[in-house]
Amino acid sequence: MPKVEDRLTAFFTDLANKNQSSRVHLPISLSELASYLGTSPETLSRQMTLAAQEGRIIKLGRGNYQVKR
C-alpha cells in the first residue's frame, strides 16, 4: 500500500484534474478523508501540514485548497 503522503497527493491531484482547476473544495470532512485514505485523522493532519510546508497544497480557507502541480 502506498504511503499516506502519496495517497494524499494522488487524492488532491485527482480532485484537481476532475475540476479542471488547481483550486479544489474538499467535499468531505478531514476525518472522512482520513478514513477514505486509510489513515488516522492525526496522521492526515500531519501530512497535510507537511504538504503545505513543502508547497504542494495551499489552504485558501475552510475546505478550500490550491493544488500545486
PDB file of N, CA and C in Angstrom:
ATOM      1  N   MET A   1       0.849  -1.184   0.000  1.00  0.00           N
ATOM      2  CA  MET A   1       0.000   0.000   0.000  1.00  0.00           C
ATOM      3  C   MET A   1       0.890   1.241   0.000  1.00  0.00           C
ATOM      4  N   PRO A   2       0.552   2.235  -0.841  1.00  0.00           N
ATOM      5  CA  PRO A   2       1.347   3.465  -0.880  1.00  0.00           C
ATOM      6  C   PRO A   2       1.315   4.207   0.459  1.00  0.00           C
ATOM      7  N   LYS A   3       2.323   5.044   0.663  1.00  0.00           N
ATOM      8  CA  LYS A   3       2.389   5.839   1.882  1.00  0.00           C
ATOM      9  C   LYS A   3       1.242   6.851   1.909  1.00  0.00           C
ATOM     10  N   VAL A   4       0.899   7.302   3.108  1.00  0.00           N
ATOM     11  CA  VAL A   4      -0.175   8.282   3.274  1.00  0.00           C
ATOM     12  C   VAL A   4       0.115   9.531   2.437  1.00  0.00           C
ATOM     13  N   GLU A   5       1.360   9.959   2.444  1.00  0.00           N
ATOM     14  CA  GLU A   5       1.762  11.136   1.667  1.00  0.00           C
ATOM     15  C   GLU A   5       1.398  10.958   0.197  1.00  0.00           C
ATOM     16  N   ASP A   6       1.678   9.785  -0.342  1.00  0.00           N
ATOM     17  CA  ASP A   6       1.386   9.502  -1.748  1.00  0.00           C
ATOM     18  C   ASP A   6      -0.120   9.425  -2.007  1.00  0.00           C
ATOM     19  N   ARG A   7      -0.849   8.819  -1.084  1.00  0.00           N
ATOM     20  CA  ARG A   7      -2.311   8.720  -1.247  1.00  0.00           C
ATOM     21  C   ARG A   7      -2.952  10.095  -1.181  1.00  0.00           C
ATOM     22  N   LEU A   8      -2.455  10.952  -0.277  1.00  0.00           N
ATOM     23  CA  LEU A   8      -2.987  12.307  -0.148  1.00  0.00           C
ATOM     24  C   LEU A   8      -2.704  13.116  -1.412  1.00  0.00           C
ATOM     25  N   THR A   9      -1.483  13.027  -1.905  1.00  0.00           N
ATOM     26  CA  THR A   9      -1.125  13.743  -3.136  1.00  0.00           C
ATOM     27  C   THR A   9      -1.987  13.276  -4.304  1.00  0.00           C
ATOM     28  N   ALA A  10      -2.168  11.984  -4.422  1.00  0.00           N
ATOM     29  CA  ALA A  10      -2.997  11.434  -5.503  1.00  0.00           C
ATOM     30  C   ALA A  10      -4.440  11.912  -5.379  1.00  0.00           C
ATOM     31  N   PHE A  11      -4.979  11.961  -4.150  1.00  0.00           N
ATOM     32  CA  PHE A  11      -6.346  12.413  -3.946  1.00  0.00           C
ATOM     33  C   PHE A  11      -6.502  13.855  -4.419  1.00  0.00           C
ATOM     34  N   PHE A  12      -5.612  14.746  -3.976  1.00  0.00           N
ATOM     35  CA  PHE A  12      -5.709  16.151  -4.370  1.00  0.00           C
ATOM     36  C   PHE A  12      -5.495  16.325  -5.871  1.00  0.00           C
ATOM     37  N   THR A  13      -4.566  15.587  -6.442  1.00  0.00           N
ATOM     38  CA  THR A  13      -4.309  15.679  -7.882  1.00  0.00           C
ATOM     39  C   THR A  13      -5.520  15.208  -8.676  1.00  0.00           C
ATOM     40  N   ASP A  14      -6.116  14.101  -8.273  1.00  0.00           N
ATOM     41  CA  ASP A  14      -7.315  13.600  -8.955  1.00  0.00           C
ATOM     42  C   ASP A  14      -8.463  14.593  -8.856  1.00  0.00           C
ATOM     43  N   LEU A  15      -8.649  15.169  -7.672  1.00  0.00           N
ATOM     44  CA  LEU A  15      -9.728  16.141  -7.481  1.00  0.00           C
ATOM     45  C   LEU A  15      -9.497  17.374  -8.355  1.00  0.00           C
ATOM     46  N   ALA A  16      -8.261  17.841  -8.420  1.00  0.00           N
ATOM     47  CA  ALA A  16      -7.937  18.998  -9.266  1.00  0.00           C
ATOM     48  C   ALA A  16      -8.163  18.673 -10.737  1.00  0.00           C
ATOM     49  N   ASN A  17      -7.769  17.475 -11.149  1.00  0.00           N
ATOM     50  CA  ASN A  17      -7.972  17.072 -12.549  1.00  0.00           C
ATOM     51  C   ASN A  17      -9.453  16.982 -12.891  1.00  0.00           C
ATOM     52  N   LYS A  18     -10.257  16.443 -11.980  1.00  0.00           N
ATOM     53  CA  LYS A  18     -11.700  16.337 -12.222  1.00  0.00           C
ATOM     54  C   LYS A  18     -12.340  17.711 -12.325  1.00  0.00           C
ATOM     55  N   ASN A  19     -11.851  18.658 -11.516  1.00  0.00           N
ATOM     56  CA  ASN A  19     -12.385  20.024 -11.526  1.00  0.00           C
ATOM     57  C   ASN A  19     -11.777  20.866 -12.639  1.00  0.00           C
ATOM     58  N   GLN A  20     -10.748  20.354 -13.288  1.00  0.00           N
ATOM     59  CA  GLN A  20     -10.000  21.081 -14.310  1.00  0.00           C
ATOM     60  C   GLN A  20      -9.543  22.437 -13.776  1.00  0.00           C
ATOM     61  N   SER A  21      -9.115  22.423 -12.515  1.00  0.00           N
ATOM     62  CA  SER A  21      -8.657  23.638 -11.851  1.00  0.00           C
ATOM     63  C   SER A  21      -7.701  23.254 -10.737  1.00  0.00           C
ATOM     64  N   SER A  22      -6.764  24.132 -10.450  1.00  0.00           N
ATOM     65  CA  SER A  22      -5.856  23.858  -9.338  1.00  0.00           C
ATOM     66  C   SER A  22      -6.509  24.174  -7.998  1.00  0.00           C
ATOM     67  N   ARG A  23      -7.637  24.857  -8.018  1.00  0.00           N
ATOM     68  CA  ARG A  23      -8.376  25.160  -6.789  1.00  0.00           C
ATOM     69  C   ARG A  23      -9.455  24.107  -6.586  1.00  0.00           C
ATOM     70  N   VAL A  24      -9.452  23.534  -5.402  1.00  0.00           N
ATOM     71  CA  VAL A  24     -10.414  22.473  -5.110  1.00  0.00           C
ATOM     72  C   VAL A  24     -11.098  22.723  -3.774  1.00  0.00           C
ATOM     73  N   HIS A  25     -12.283  22.175  -3.653  1.00  0.00           N
ATOM     74  CA  HIS A  25     -13.023  22.190  -2.396  1.00  0.00           C
ATOM     75  C   HIS A  25     -13.179  20.742  -1.948  1.00  0.00           C
ATOM     76  N   LEU A  26     -12.763  20.464  -0.714  1.00  0.00           N
ATOM     77  CA  LEU A  26     -12.924  19.105  -0.193  1.00  0.00           C
ATOM     78  C   LEU A  26     -14.404  18.842   0.045  1.00  0.00           C
ATOM     79  N   PRO A  27     -14.949  17.839  -0.602  1.00  0.00           N
ATOM     80  CA  PRO A  27     -16.382  17.553  -0.463  1.00  0.00           C
ATOM     81  C   PRO A  27     -16.718  16.761   0.803  1.00  0.00           C
ATOM     82  N   ILE A  28     -15.696  16.427   1.603  1.00  0.00           N
ATOM     83  CA  ILE A  28     -15.899  15.634   2.809  1.00  0.00           C
ATOM     84  C   ILE A  28     -15.073  16.235   3.951  1.00  0.00           C
ATOM     85  N   SER A  29     -15.384  15.831   5.173  1.00  0.00           N
ATOM     86  CA  SER A  29     -14.628  16.311   6.329  1.00  0.00           C
ATOM     87  C   SER A  29     -13.243  15.661   6.358  1.00  0.00           C
ATOM     88  N   LEU A  30     -12.344  16.251   7.139  1.00  0.00           N
ATOM     89  CA  LEU A  30     -10.996  15.684   7.244  1.00  0.00           C
ATOM     90  C   LEU A  30     -11.020  14.300   7.872  1.00  0.00           C
ATOM     91  N   SER A  31     -11.921  14.064   8.825  1.00  0.00           N
ATOM     92  CA  SER A  31     -11.997  12.720   9.415  1.00  0.00           C
ATOM     93  C   SER A  31     -12.506  11.709   8.389  1.00  0.00           C
ATOM     94  N   GLU A  32     -13.431  12.124   7.531  1.00  0.00           N
ATOM     95  CA  GLU A  32     -13.898  11.239   6.461  1.00  0.00           C
ATOM     96  C   GLU A  32     -12.793  10.995   5.433  1.00  0.00           C
ATOM     97  N   LEU A  33     -12.015  12.040   5.144  1.00  0.00           N
ATOM     98  CA  LEU A  33     -10.899  11.887   4.213  1.00  0.00           C
ATOM     99  C   LEU A  33      -9.853  10.935   4.782  1.00  0.00           C
ATOM    100  N   ALA A  34      -9.586  11.056   6.079  1.00  0.00           N
ATOM    101  CA  ALA A  34      -8.633  10.149   6.725  1.00  0.00           C
ATOM    102  C   ALA A  34      -9.099   8.704   6.580  1.00  0.00           C
ATOM    103  N   SER A  35     -10.367   8.474   6.831  1.00  0.00           N
ATOM    104  CA  SER A  35     -10.917   7.128   6.697  1.00  0.00           C
ATOM    105  C   SER A  35     -10.819   6.640   5.250  1.00  0.00           C
ATOM    106  N   TYR A  36     -11.149   7.502   4.311  1.00  0.00           N
ATOM    107  CA  TYR A  36     -11.082   7.159   2.884  1.00  0.00           C
ATOM    108  C   TYR A  36      -9.656   6.785   2.479  1.00  0.00           C
ATOM    109  N   LEU A  37      -8.674   7.512   3.034  1.00  0.00           N
ATOM    110  CA  LEU A  37      -7.274   7.260   2.699  1.00  0.00           C
ATOM    111  C   LEU A  37      -6.657   6.143   3.529  1.00  0.00           C
ATOM    112  N   GLY A  38      -7.419   5.615   4.483  1.00  0.00           N
ATOM    113  CA  GLY A  38      -6.936   4.506   5.297  1.00  0.00           C
ATOM    114  C   GLY A  38      -5.920   4.910   6.338  1.00  0.00           C
ATOM    115  N   THR A  39      -6.141   6.065   6.966  1.00  0.00           N
ATOM    116  CA  THR A  39      -5.222   6.543   7.993  1.00  0.00           C
ATOM    117  C   THR A  39      -6.002   7.195   9.120  1.00  0.00           C
ATOM    118  N   SER A  40      -5.314   7.632  10.133  1.00  0.00           N
ATOM    119  CA  SER A  40      -5.965   8.306  11.256  1.00  0.00           C
ATOM    120  C   SER A  40      -6.055   9.806  10.966  1.00  0.00           C
ATOM    121  N   PRO A  41      -7.008  10.496  11.589  1.00  0.00           N
ATOM    122  CA  PRO A  41      -7.099  11.949  11.418  1.00  0.00           C
ATOM    123  C   PRO A  41      -5.810  12.663  11.833  1.00  0.00           C
ATOM    124  N   GLU A  42      -5.140  12.151  12.854  1.00  0.00           N
ATOM    125  CA  GLU A  42      -3.896  12.781  13.320  1.00  0.00           C
ATOM    126  C   GLU A  42      -2.800  12.686  12.261  1.00  0.00           C
ATOM    127  N   THR A  43      -2.668  11.513  11.654  1.00  0.00           N
ATOM    128  CA  THR A  43      -1.664  11.330  10.609  1.00  0.00           C
ATOM    129  C   THR A  43      -2.003  12.183   9.397  1.00  0.00           C
ATOM    130  N   LEU A  44      -3.275  12.239   9.044  1.00  0.00           N
ATOM    131  CA  LEU A  44      -3.692  13.074   7.917  1.00  0.00           C
ATOM    132  C   LEU A  44      -3.356  14.530   8.194  1.00  0.00           C
ATOM    133  N   SER A  45      -3.623  14.984   9.402  1.00  0.00           N
ATOM    134  CA  SER A  45      -3.312  16.367   9.767  1.00  0.00           C
ATOM    135  C   SER A  45      -1.821  16.653   9.606  1.00  0.00           C
ATOM    136  N   ARG A  46      -0.994  15.751  10.092  1.00  0.00           N
ATOM    137  CA  ARG A  46       0.461  15.928   9.952  1.00  0.00           C
ATOM    138  C   ARG A  46       0.869  15.967   8.479  1.00  0.00           C
ATOM    139  N   GLN A  47       0.302  15.081   7.685  1.00  0.00           N
ATOM    140  CA  GLN A  47       0.660  15.019   6.268  1.00  0.00           C
ATOM    141  C   GLN A  47       0.172  16.255   5.509  1.00  0.00           C
ATOM    142  N   MET A  48      -0.982  16.789   5.879  1.00  0.00           N
ATOM    143  CA  MET A  48      -1.480  17.996   5.223  1.00  0.00           C
ATOM    144  C   MET A  48      -0.615  19.193   5.603  1.00  0.00           C
ATOM    145  N   THR A  49      -0.177  19.245   6.855  1.00  0.00           N
ATOM    146  CA  THR A  49       0.726  20.313   7.284  1.00  0.00           C
ATOM    147  C   THR A  49       2.040  20.225   6.512  1.00  0.00           C
ATOM    148  N   LEU A  50       2.572  19.028   6.380  1.00  0.00           N
ATOM    149  CA  LEU A  50       3.811  18.817   5.634  1.00  0.00           C
ATOM    150  C   LEU A  50       3.638  19.212   4.165  1.00  0.00           C
ATOM    151  N   ALA A  51       2.535  18.819   3.561  1.00  0.00           N
ATOM    152  CA  ALA A  51       2.266  19.164   2.161  1.00  0.00           C
ATOM    153  C   ALA A  51       2.194  20.677   1.985  1.00  0.00           C
ATOM    154  N   ALA A  52       1.604  21.371   2.950  1.00  0.00           N
ATOM    155  CA  ALA A  52       1.523  22.833   2.888  1.00  0.00           C
ATOM    156  C   ALA A  52       2.907  23.456   3.061  1.00  0.00           C
ATOM    157  N   GLN A  53       3.689  22.937   3.991  1.00  0.00           N
ATOM    158  CA  GLN A  53       5.041  23.463   4.213  1.00  0.00           C
ATOM    159  C   GLN A  53       5.924  23.257   2.986  1.00  0.00           C
ATOM    160  N   GLU A  54       5.720  22.163   2.292  1.00  0.00           N
ATOM    161  CA  GLU A  54       6.500  21.862   1.087  1.00  0.00           C
ATOM    162  C   GLU A  54       5.945  22.558  -0.149  1.00  0.00           C
ATOM    163  N   GLY A  55       4.809  23.241  -0.016  1.00  0.00           N
ATOM    164  CA  GLY A  55       4.223  23.974  -1.129  1.00  0.00           C
ATOM    165  C   GLY A  55       3.421  23.138  -2.098  1.00  0.00           C
ATOM    166  N   ARG A  56       3.094  21.899  -1.711  1.00  0.00           N
ATOM    167  CA  ARG A  56       2.296  21.046  -2.607  1.00  0.00           C
ATOM    168  C   ARG A  56       0.831  21.427  -2.586  1.00  0.00           C
ATOM    169  N   ILE A  57       0.361  21.953  -1.457  1.00  0.00           N
ATOM    170  CA  ILE A  57      -1.005  22.476  -1.364  1.00  0.00           C
ATOM    171  C   ILE A  57      -0.956  23.792  -0.598  1.00  0.00           C
ATOM    172  N   ILE A  58      -1.918  24.644  -0.869  1.00  0.00           N
ATOM    173  CA  ILE A  58      -2.074  25.904  -0.148  1.00  0.00           C
ATOM    174  C   ILE A  58      -3.503  25.946   0.359  1.00  0.00           C
ATOM    175  N   LYS A  59      -3.664  26.135   1.665  1.00  0.00           N
ATOM    176  CA  LYS A  59      -5.012  26.234   2.222  1.00  0.00           C
ATOM    177  C   LYS A  59      -5.533  27.642   1.964  1.00  0.00           C
ATOM    178  N   LEU A  60      -6.668  27.723   1.294  1.00  0.00           N
ATOM    179  CA  LEU A  60      -7.267  29.008   0.940  1.00  0.00           C
ATOM    180  C   LEU A  60      -8.365  29.418   1.904  1.00  0.00           C
ATOM    181  N   GLY A  61      -8.884  28.484   2.625  1.00  0.00           N
ATOM    182  CA  GLY A  61      -9.991  28.742   3.535  1.00  0.00           C
ATOM    183  C   GLY A  61     -10.597  27.410   3.917  1.00  0.00           C
ATOM    184  N   ARG A  62     -11.662  27.464   4.663  1.00  0.00           N
ATOM    185  CA  ARG A  62     -12.276  26.231   5.147  1.00  0.00           C
ATOM    186  C   ARG A  62     -12.638  25.290   4.004  1.00  0.00           C
ATOM    187  N   GLY A  63     -11.914  24.193   3.925  1.00  0.00           N
ATOM    188  CA  GLY A  63     -12.194  23.168   2.921  1.00  0.00           C
ATOM    189  C   GLY A  63     -11.723  23.501   1.524  1.00  0.00           C
ATOM    190  N   ASN A  64     -11.074  24.643   1.344  1.00  0.00           N
ATOM    191  CA  ASN A  64     -10.632  25.075   0.022  1.00  0.00           C
ATOM    192  C   ASN A  64      -9.114  25.084  -0.047  1.00  0.00           C
ATOM    193  N   TYR A  65      -8.601  24.517  -1.123  1.00  0.00           N
ATOM    194  CA  TYR A  65      -7.163  24.369  -1.277  1.00  0.00           C
ATOM    195  C   TYR A  65      -6.769  24.669  -2.712  1.00  0.00           C
ATOM    196  N   GLN A  66      -5.518  25.059  -2.881  1.00  0.00           N
ATOM    197  CA  GLN A  66      -4.936  25.156  -4.217  1.00  0.00           C
ATOM    198  C   GLN A  66      -3.870  24.083  -4.310  1.00  0.00           C
ATOM    199  N   VAL A  67      -3.924  23.327  -5.384  1.00  0.00           N
ATOM    200  CA  VAL A  67      -3.012  22.200  -5.584  1.00  0.00           C
ATOM    201  C   VAL A  67      -1.912  22.651  -6.534  1.00  0.00           C
ATOM    202  N   LYS A  68      -0.669  22.494  -6.088  1.00  0.00           N
ATOM    203  CA  LYS A  68       0.471  22.813  -6.945  1.00  0.00           C
ATOM    204  C   LYS A  68       0.794  21.577  -7.762  1.00  0.00           C
ATOM    205  N   ARG A  69       0.836  21.714  -9.046  1.00  0.00           N
ATOM    206  CA  ARG A  69       1.096  20.572  -9.932  1.00  0.00           C
ATOM    207  C   ARG A  69       2.523  20.581 -10.401  1.00  0.00           C
TER     208      ARG A  69
END
